[in-house]
Amino acid sequence: MTFASTELFRRAQEYMPGGVNSPVRACLAVGTEPLFIDHARGSRIYSVDGGEYVDFVLSWGPMLLGHAHPAVTAAVCEAAGRGASFGAPCPDELYLAQLLVAALPAVEMVRMVNSGTEAAMSALRLARACTGRSAFLKFTGCYHGHADPFLAAAGSGVASLSLPGTPGVPPGVVADTLLCAYNDLQGAERLFAARGRDIAAVIVEPAAANMGLVLPAPGFLQGLRALCTRNGSLLIFDEVITGFRVAYGGAQTRFGIQPDLTVLGKIIGGGLPVGAYGGKAEYMRRIAPAGDVYQAGTLSGNPAASAAGRAMLETLQGCAYEALEQRVEGFCRELENLFAAKGLPVCINRCASMFALFFTEGPVRDFAGAAAADAGRWARFYRFMRGRGFYLAPSAFETAMVSFAHTDGEFAAFVDAARDFAG
């Protein structure tokens, strides 16, 4: 029997906190209820109510090839037929590791885990061990998962729900979390001048995709690299979102910056739960059993996730990234033009196959700029576009995602709907 989304959500609230297993899915920030999804294919998702939507969420990023891509689906089915989990090494985890090392310039060795949160947490532990220091620098509005030290001034769902970020986290756990505004290189330099000998690492989203989308200012990433090198700190790129999305070799390839450690997730699992962290061999060999920094996981290197990731990356090797980026650029330019013609202030940030629409004059260069945008208008835009068959992230602090499966016709229909919204 099929239940409508409203009824399913009512029942879900009896069994799960807020009726969801991840907070932003509850759609509280946009004043509506979530859709329960029955299935998806290509660029579209289908709700249990029979609704069909062009999907600009893409499971928050992993589905760069579109939903249910034949190569990925076949790989998952074949792997599951051999056994869902072994708790022992399997060939596909090795093949996936080889693909990651070959693609990412700054990764010489990699350790598979089960989520981006786990990967970021483990990378920070490794950086602290390698430097013998405790403090680290993160940037306001950047989200690195829900591990305790990262929740100070985080973006994504923490910002969407206006949560203070650290309830349940002892003050001592975030005492070593240093904060700076994204793109504020001078602020980072001041922190290093005061605390440089204490700073184990700088962790940053090379393109910040959890406060809408904010691009690095010219020289920002280069400056962080220089600061870390000069002070003996490790630079960690959180490429959970940007990895294999902004370029096949990630943001480190696109921007030409080599971090010491890289955090990965989403696309590298083809839609299955996955994470990884990697970097220079001299650091990665500190991880047990090769070294003394302990980290483990029963399902790490899961055969189904590894097979899905392998199929995803092998398929992406033949995809025309530049052509997709050009199409997204044209699409965003059309949106800008129509809103300008209607006299509606809009700033659209974009990078490769991601874009974020802020209802503000802009420019948006940091979390303060993102937070100053008109969230109420975004909520109305979300509800209007969903009513017209377009599925967007239910938060002004998330990034819209585009896949290779999206068509020019779908872009044109989105622009038409947005024109109607703008009046």
Protein backbone atom coordinates (compact mmCIF):
# COMPACT_ATOMS: atom_id res chain seq x y z
CA MET A 1 0.00 0.00 0.00
CA THR A 2 1.37 3.46 -0.92
CA PHE A 3 0.99 6.26 1.61
CA ALA A 4 1.07 9.95 0.73
CA SER A 5 4.07 11.96 1.93
CA THR A 6 2.00 13.79 4.54
CA GLU A 7 0.82 10.56 6.14
CA LEU A 8 4.29 9.02 6.02
CA PHE A 9 5.77 12.13 7.63
CA ARG A 10 3.15 12.06 10.39
CA ARG A 11 4.00 8.46 11.16
CA ALA A 12 7.73 9.06 10.88
CA GLN A 13 7.58 11.69 13.62
CA GLU A 14 6.39 9.00 16.01
CA TYR A 15 9.48 6.88 15.39
CA MET A 16 12.28 9.26 14.36
CA PRO A 17 13.28 12.64 15.84
CA GLY A 18 11.57 15.24 13.70
CA GLY A 19 10.45 12.48 11.35
CA VAL A 20 13.77 12.41 9.51
CA ASN A 21 17.26 10.95 9.74
CA SER A 22 19.03 14.18 8.78
CA PRO A 23 17.69 17.54 10.00
CA VAL A 24 17.53 19.65 6.83
CA ARG A 25 15.29 17.04 5.15
CA ALA A 26 12.42 18.10 7.41
CA CYS A 27 11.97 21.28 5.29
CA LEU A 28 11.45 23.45 8.38
CA ALA A 29 13.44 26.34 6.89
CA VAL A 30 11.10 26.53 3.89
CA GLY A 31 7.82 26.17 5.74
CA THR A 32 6.59 22.93 4.27
CA GLU A 33 6.72 19.17 4.70
CA PRO A 34 9.21 16.84 3.02
CA LEU A 35 8.46 14.71 0.02
CA PHE A 36 8.93 10.99 0.49
CA ILE A 37 10.68 9.63 -2.58
CA ASP A 38 9.67 6.40 -4.25
CA HIS A 39 12.31 6.16 -6.97
CA ALA A 40 14.58 8.21 -9.21
CA ARG A 41 16.08 7.97 -12.67
CA GLY A 42 18.37 10.27 -14.57
CA SER A 43 17.71 13.89 -13.62
CA ARG A 44 14.34 13.16 -12.02
CA ILE A 45 12.91 11.92 -8.76
CA TYR A 46 9.40 10.59 -8.17
CA SER A 47 7.50 10.96 -4.91
CA VAL A 48 5.19 8.43 -3.31
CA ASP A 49 2.36 10.82 -4.17
CA GLY A 50 3.01 10.32 -7.88
CA GLY A 51 4.82 13.63 -8.34
CA GLU A 52 7.69 13.97 -10.83
CA TYR A 53 10.44 16.51 -10.20
CA VAL A 54 13.60 17.69 -11.92
CA ASP A 55 16.16 17.09 -9.20
CA PHE A 56 18.69 19.79 -8.29
CA VAL A 57 19.64 18.12 -5.00
CA LEU A 58 21.02 14.83 -6.38
CA SER A 59 21.24 13.24 -2.94
CA TRP A 60 23.18 16.37 -1.86
CA GLY A 61 25.76 15.85 -4.57
CA PRO A 62 26.72 12.23 -5.27
CA MET A 63 24.57 11.64 -8.34
CA LEU A 64 26.74 13.49 -10.87
CA LEU A 65 25.85 10.90 -13.52
CA GLY A 66 22.18 11.15 -12.64
CA HIS A 67 20.11 8.66 -10.66
CA ALA A 68 20.25 4.92 -11.32
CA HIS A 69 23.00 5.16 -13.90
CA PRO A 70 23.23 1.75 -15.61
CA ALA A 71 26.95 1.23 -14.95
CA VAL A 72 26.66 2.07 -11.27
CA THR A 73 23.46 0.08 -10.81
CA ALA A 74 25.00 -2.98 -12.45
CA ALA A 75 28.10 -2.72 -10.27
CA VAL A 76 26.04 -2.51 -7.07
CA CYS A 77 23.81 -5.44 -8.03
CA GLU A 78 26.76 -7.61 -8.98
CA ALA A 79 28.60 -6.77 -5.76
CA ALA A 80 25.53 -7.36 -3.60
CA GLY A 81 25.07 -10.73 -5.25
CA ARG A 82 28.51 -11.73 -4.01
CA GLY A 83 27.82 -10.55 -0.46
CA ALA A 84 26.97 -7.21 1.12
CA SER A 85 29.86 -7.13 3.58
CA PHE A 86 32.85 -9.28 4.46
CA GLY A 87 34.70 -7.40 7.18
CA ALA A 88 37.80 -8.34 5.17
CA PRO A 89 39.64 -6.85 2.19
CA CYS A 90 38.01 -7.09 -1.24
CA PRO A 91 39.38 -6.27 -4.71
CA ASP A 92 37.13 -3.31 -5.42
CA GLU A 93 38.35 -1.33 -2.43
CA LEU A 94 41.87 -1.63 -3.84
CA TYR A 95 40.70 -0.63 -7.33
CA LEU A 96 38.83 2.37 -5.92
CA ALA A 97 41.89 3.43 -3.93
CA GLN A 98 43.99 3.23 -7.09
CA LEU A 99 41.52 5.42 -8.96
CA LEU A 100 41.55 8.01 -6.17
CA VAL A 101 45.34 8.16 -5.99
CA ALA A 102 45.61 8.43 -9.78
CA ALA A 103 43.06 11.25 -9.96
CA LEU A 104 43.99 13.47 -7.03
CA PRO A 105 47.43 15.14 -7.22
CA ALA A 106 47.83 15.50 -3.46
CA VAL A 107 46.79 11.94 -2.54
CA GLU A 108 49.47 9.24 -2.41
CA MET A 109 47.66 6.90 -0.04
CA VAL A 110 44.04 6.68 1.04
CA ARG A 111 41.96 5.14 3.83
CA MET A 112 38.30 4.33 3.16
CA VAL A 113 35.67 5.10 5.81
CA ASN A 114 31.88 5.33 5.79
CA SER A 115 30.98 9.03 5.73
CA GLY A 116 32.41 12.48 5.22
CA THR A 117 32.02 13.16 8.93
CA GLU A 118 34.16 10.14 9.77
CA ALA A 119 36.74 11.13 7.18
CA ALA A 120 37.08 14.70 8.49
CA MET A 121 37.28 13.52 12.09
CA SER A 122 40.01 11.03 11.18
CA ALA A 123 41.98 13.53 9.11
CA LEU A 124 42.04 15.98 12.01
CA ARG A 125 43.22 13.26 14.39
CA LEU A 126 46.01 12.40 11.97
CA ALA A 127 47.04 16.05 11.58
CA ARG A 128 47.22 16.46 15.33
CA ALA A 129 49.32 13.33 15.66
CA CYS A 130 51.72 14.36 12.89
CA THR A 131 52.28 17.85 14.29
CA GLY A 132 52.00 17.18 18.02
CA ARG A 133 49.61 20.16 18.24
CA SER A 134 45.96 20.45 19.26
CA ALA A 135 44.45 23.62 17.77
CA PHE A 136 43.03 23.85 14.27
CA LEU A 137 41.49 26.57 12.14
CA LYS A 138 38.13 26.28 10.41
CA PHE A 139 36.07 28.89 8.62
CA THR A 140 32.68 30.21 9.66
CA GLY A 141 29.92 28.62 7.60
CA CYS A 142 32.02 25.71 6.40
CA TYR A 143 30.60 22.32 7.35
CA HIS A 144 32.86 19.35 7.97
CA GLY A 145 30.37 16.90 9.39
CA HIS A 146 28.88 16.58 12.84
CA ALA A 147 31.93 15.47 14.84
CA ASP A 148 32.19 17.54 18.02
CA PRO A 149 35.09 19.90 17.20
CA PHE A 150 33.65 20.90 13.81
CA LEU A 151 30.24 22.10 14.94
CA ALA A 152 31.40 25.55 16.02
CA ALA A 153 29.97 28.10 13.55
CA ALA A 154 29.11 25.38 11.02
CA GLY A 155 27.05 25.81 7.88
CA SER A 156 24.58 23.44 6.20
CA GLY A 157 21.76 22.20 8.45
CA VAL A 158 23.25 23.82 11.55
CA ALA A 159 22.85 27.21 9.90
CA SER A 160 19.50 26.35 8.29
CA LEU A 161 17.92 25.56 11.66
CA SER A 162 19.69 28.43 13.47
CA LEU A 163 21.18 26.02 15.98
CA PRO A 164 23.99 27.32 18.20
CA GLY A 165 26.21 24.51 16.95
CA THR A 166 27.58 22.96 20.11
CA PRO A 167 24.87 21.73 22.54
CA GLY A 168 26.05 18.47 24.06
CA VAL A 169 29.65 19.24 23.22
CA PRO A 170 31.85 19.98 26.26
CA PRO A 171 33.45 23.43 26.04
CA GLY A 172 36.90 21.87 26.20
CA VAL A 173 36.29 19.99 22.94
CA VAL A 174 35.89 23.20 20.94
CA ALA A 175 38.45 25.19 22.92
CA ASP A 176 41.02 24.34 20.25
CA THR A 177 38.70 25.20 17.33
CA LEU A 178 39.85 28.54 15.96
CA LEU A 179 37.43 30.44 13.74
CA CYS A 180 37.87 32.86 10.89
CA ALA A 181 35.62 34.20 8.14
CA TYR A 182 35.89 32.42 4.80
CA ASN A 183 38.05 34.37 2.33
CA ASP A 184 39.55 36.41 5.18
CA LEU A 185 43.22 35.60 4.62
CA GLN A 186 44.34 38.51 6.81
CA GLY A 187 42.26 37.13 9.67
CA ALA A 188 43.91 33.73 9.24
CA GLU A 189 47.32 35.41 9.22
CA ARG A 190 46.51 37.15 12.51
CA LEU A 191 45.50 33.85 14.10
CA PHE A 192 48.73 32.25 12.96
CA ALA A 193 50.71 35.20 14.29
CA ALA A 194 49.11 34.65 17.70
CA ARG A 195 48.77 30.85 17.79
CA GLY A 196 50.89 29.46 14.96
CA ARG A 197 52.89 27.11 17.17
CA ASP A 198 49.63 25.56 18.44
CA ILE A 199 47.87 25.07 15.09
CA ALA A 200 47.95 21.50 13.83
CA ALA A 201 45.87 22.11 10.72
CA VAL A 202 43.69 24.37 8.65
CA ILE A 203 40.62 22.63 7.29
CA VAL A 204 38.70 24.32 4.50
CA GLU A 205 36.15 23.65 1.80
CA PRO A 206 38.13 24.83 -1.25
CA ALA A 207 34.80 25.98 -2.67
CA ALA A 208 32.47 26.47 0.28
CA ALA A 209 29.27 24.59 -0.51
CA ASN A 210 27.46 24.62 2.82
CA MET A 211 26.54 28.30 2.95
CA GLY A 212 24.97 28.26 -0.45
CA LEU A 213 28.04 28.35 -2.67
CA VAL A 214 30.93 30.70 -1.98
CA LEU A 215 34.02 30.63 -4.18
CA PRO A 216 37.54 31.22 -2.90
CA ALA A 217 38.78 34.74 -3.53
CA PRO A 218 41.92 35.03 -5.68
CA GLY A 219 44.91 34.17 -3.52
CA PHE A 220 42.91 32.80 -0.58
CA LEU A 221 43.75 29.13 -0.99
CA GLN A 222 47.31 29.95 -2.05
CA GLY A 223 47.66 32.06 1.09
CA LEU A 224 46.45 29.23 3.31
CA ARG A 225 48.92 26.88 1.67
CA ALA A 226 51.75 29.32 2.35
CA LEU A 227 50.65 29.89 5.96
CA CYS A 228 50.59 26.17 6.69
CA THR A 229 53.96 25.55 5.04
CA ARG A 230 55.57 28.43 6.91
CA ASN A 231 54.20 27.35 10.29
CA GLY A 232 54.51 23.56 10.02
CA SER A 233 50.73 23.04 9.99
CA LEU A 234 48.85 20.70 7.67
CA LEU A 235 46.40 22.00 5.11
CA ILE A 236 43.28 19.82 4.85
CA PHE A 237 40.95 20.20 1.87
CA ASP A 238 37.43 19.02 2.61
CA GLU A 239 36.47 17.78 -0.87
CA VAL A 240 33.42 15.81 0.22
CA ILE A 241 31.37 17.97 -2.16
CA THR A 242 33.97 19.32 -4.59
CA GLY A 243 35.81 16.04 -5.11
CA PHE A 244 35.14 14.82 -8.69
CA ARG A 245 32.44 17.48 -9.10
CA VAL A 246 34.34 20.72 -9.83
CA ALA A 247 36.84 18.68 -11.87
CA TYR A 248 37.66 15.00 -12.18
CA GLY A 249 40.72 15.65 -10.01
CA GLY A 250 38.77 17.74 -7.53
CA ALA A 251 39.28 21.32 -6.40
CA GLN A 252 42.97 20.70 -5.86
CA THR A 253 43.27 20.16 -9.61
CA ARG A 254 40.94 23.01 -10.54
CA PHE A 255 42.68 25.56 -8.32
CA GLY A 256 46.19 24.13 -8.55
CA ILE A 257 46.74 23.83 -4.78
CA GLN A 258 48.18 20.75 -3.09
CA PRO A 259 46.81 20.15 0.42
CA ASP A 260 48.56 17.81 2.82
CA LEU A 261 45.40 15.81 3.50
CA THR A 262 42.16 15.46 1.54
CA VAL A 263 38.71 14.51 2.83
CA LEU A 264 36.33 12.79 0.39
CA GLY A 265 32.81 11.38 0.23
CA LYS A 266 29.59 11.53 -1.80
CA ILE A 267 30.57 11.00 -5.47
CA ILE A 268 33.29 8.43 -4.67
CA GLY A 269 30.59 6.03 -3.45
CA GLY A 270 28.22 6.39 -6.38
CA GLY A 271 25.38 7.21 -3.98
CA LEU A 272 26.16 4.59 -1.33
CA PRO A 273 27.43 5.59 2.14
CA VAL A 274 31.15 6.25 1.86
CA GLY A 275 34.00 8.50 2.89
CA ALA A 276 37.77 8.56 2.58
CA TYR A 277 40.76 10.58 3.62
CA GLY A 278 44.14 10.58 1.99
CA GLY A 279 47.29 12.53 1.45
CA LYS A 280 51.02 12.35 1.44
CA ALA A 281 52.39 8.91 2.21
CA GLU A 282 54.59 10.26 5.02
CA TYR A 283 51.44 11.23 6.89
CA MET A 284 49.18 8.35 5.90
CA ARG A 285 51.72 5.78 7.08
CA ARG A 286 51.02 6.98 10.60
CA ILE A 287 47.59 5.30 10.37
CA ALA A 288 47.28 1.88 12.05
CA PRO A 289 48.30 -0.82 11.34
CA ALA A 290 51.17 0.86 9.45
CA GLY A 291 51.61 3.36 12.25
CA ASP A 292 50.43 4.44 15.68
CA VAL A 293 47.32 6.54 14.94
CA TYR A 294 44.32 4.30 15.45
CA GLN A 295 41.26 4.41 13.24
CA ALA A 296 39.04 1.51 12.21
CA GLY A 297 35.63 0.69 10.77
CA THR A 298 33.71 -2.57 10.34
CA LEU A 299 32.13 -1.50 7.05
CA SER A 300 35.06 0.55 5.71
CA GLY A 301 35.84 -0.49 2.14
CA ASN A 302 32.39 -2.04 1.89
CA PRO A 303 32.28 -4.15 -1.30
CA ALA A 304 29.03 -2.68 -2.63
CA ALA A 305 30.09 0.92 -1.98
CA SER A 306 33.54 0.26 -3.44
CA ALA A 307 32.05 -1.28 -6.56
CA ALA A 308 29.66 1.64 -6.98
CA GLY A 309 32.49 4.13 -6.52
CA ARG A 310 34.69 2.32 -8.99
CA ALA A 311 31.94 2.31 -11.63
CA MET A 312 31.19 5.97 -10.96
CA LEU A 313 34.78 7.15 -11.34
CA GLU A 314 35.50 4.98 -14.36
CA THR A 315 32.42 6.40 -16.08
CA LEU A 316 33.29 9.98 -15.12
CA GLN A 317 36.65 9.61 -16.83
CA GLY A 318 34.83 9.77 -20.14
CA CYS A 319 32.48 12.64 -19.27
CA ALA A 320 32.72 16.14 -20.72
CA TYR A 321 33.12 18.27 -17.59
CA GLU A 322 33.87 21.46 -19.49
CA ALA A 323 30.78 21.14 -21.66
CA LEU A 324 28.54 20.67 -18.62
CA GLU A 325 30.11 23.67 -16.92
CA GLN A 326 29.45 25.82 -19.98
CA ARG A 327 25.80 24.73 -20.03
CA VAL A 328 25.39 25.54 -16.32
CA GLU A 329 27.06 28.92 -16.87
CA GLY A 330 24.59 29.76 -19.64
CA PHE A 331 21.68 28.58 -17.51
CA CYS A 332 22.76 30.77 -14.58
CA ARG A 333 23.27 33.77 -16.85
CA GLU A 334 19.70 33.41 -18.11
CA LEU A 335 18.44 33.36 -14.52
CA GLU A 336 20.43 36.47 -13.68
CA ASN A 337 19.10 38.30 -16.70
CA LEU A 338 15.47 37.49 -16.00
CA PHE A 339 15.68 38.54 -12.34
CA ALA A 340 17.48 41.74 -13.33
CA ALA A 341 14.75 42.48 -15.85
CA LYS A 342 12.16 42.04 -13.09
CA GLY A 343 14.08 44.30 -10.71
CA LEU A 344 14.54 41.49 -8.19
CA PRO A 345 17.95 41.53 -6.44
CA VAL A 346 19.69 38.21 -7.01
CA CYS A 347 23.27 36.99 -6.76
CA ILE A 348 24.09 33.63 -8.36
CA ASN A 349 27.40 32.02 -7.48
CA ARG A 350 28.45 29.04 -9.59
CA CYS A 351 31.31 26.63 -10.00
CA ALA A 352 31.33 23.76 -12.51
CA SER A 353 28.05 21.86 -11.96
CA MET A 354 26.99 23.72 -8.80
CA PHE A 355 25.18 27.00 -8.31
CA ALA A 356 23.57 28.95 -5.50
CA LEU A 357 20.89 31.60 -5.86
CA PHE A 358 20.91 34.27 -3.14
CA PHE A 359 18.12 36.83 -2.96
CA THR A 360 20.46 39.76 -2.31
CA GLU A 361 22.39 42.33 -4.30
CA GLY A 362 25.63 40.50 -3.53
CA PRO A 363 28.37 39.79 -3.94
CA VAL A 364 28.33 36.87 -1.49
CA ARG A 365 31.89 36.10 -0.39
CA ASP A 366 31.42 34.62 3.08
CA PHE A 367 28.87 33.30 5.58
CA ALA A 368 27.83 36.80 6.67
CA GLY A 369 26.94 37.62 3.07
CA ALA A 370 24.99 34.38 2.69
CA ALA A 371 23.13 34.97 5.97
CA ALA A 372 22.18 38.51 4.88
CA ALA A 373 20.22 37.20 1.86
CA ASP A 374 16.43 37.11 2.03
CA ALA A 375 15.71 33.66 3.46
CA GLY A 376 11.96 34.28 3.45
CA ARG A 377 11.98 34.91 -0.28
CA TRP A 378 14.08 31.79 -0.77
CA ALA A 379 11.46 29.77 1.13
CA ARG A 380 8.71 31.13 -1.13
CA PHE A 381 10.85 30.39 -4.18
CA TYR A 382 11.42 26.83 -2.97
CA ARG A 383 7.69 26.19 -2.49
CA PHE A 384 6.80 27.79 -5.83
CA MET A 385 9.40 25.81 -7.77
CA ARG A 386 8.44 22.56 -6.08
CA GLY A 387 4.88 23.23 -7.14
CA ARG A 388 6.15 23.56 -10.70
CA GLY A 389 8.04 20.26 -10.59
CA PHE A 390 11.55 21.32 -9.54
CA TYR A 391 13.22 19.81 -6.49
CA LEU A 392 15.65 22.17 -4.74
CA ALA A 393 17.47 21.88 -1.44
CA PRO A 394 15.09 23.04 1.31
CA SER A 395 17.55 25.57 2.69
CA ALA A 396 19.12 28.81 1.50
CA PHE A 397 22.42 27.52 2.89
CA GLU A 398 22.73 24.60 0.49
CA THR A 399 24.04 24.36 -3.05
CA ALA A 400 22.08 23.35 -6.12
CA MET A 401 23.59 20.41 -8.01
CA VAL A 402 23.45 19.58 -11.70
CA SER A 403 24.17 16.21 -13.31
CA PHE A 404 25.27 15.06 -16.73
CA ALA A 405 21.70 13.77 -17.12
CA HIS A 406 20.07 17.23 -16.97
CA THR A 407 18.86 18.54 -20.30
CA ASP A 408 18.76 21.98 -21.85
CA GLY A 409 14.98 21.63 -21.97
CA GLU A 410 14.90 21.21 -18.20
CA PHE A 411 17.06 24.31 -17.77
CA ALA A 412 14.71 26.28 -20.02
CA ALA A 413 11.66 25.09 -18.10
CA PHE A 414 13.32 26.12 -14.81
CA VAL A 415 13.99 29.60 -16.20
CA ASP A 416 10.36 29.89 -17.33
CA ALA A 417 9.12 28.90 -13.89
CA ALA A 418 11.50 31.34 -12.20
CA ARG A 419 10.19 34.09 -14.50
CA ASP A 420 6.67 33.36 -13.33
CA PHE A 421 7.83 33.52 -9.70
CA ALA A 422 9.49 36.88 -10.27
CA GLY A 423 6.23 38.18 -11.72
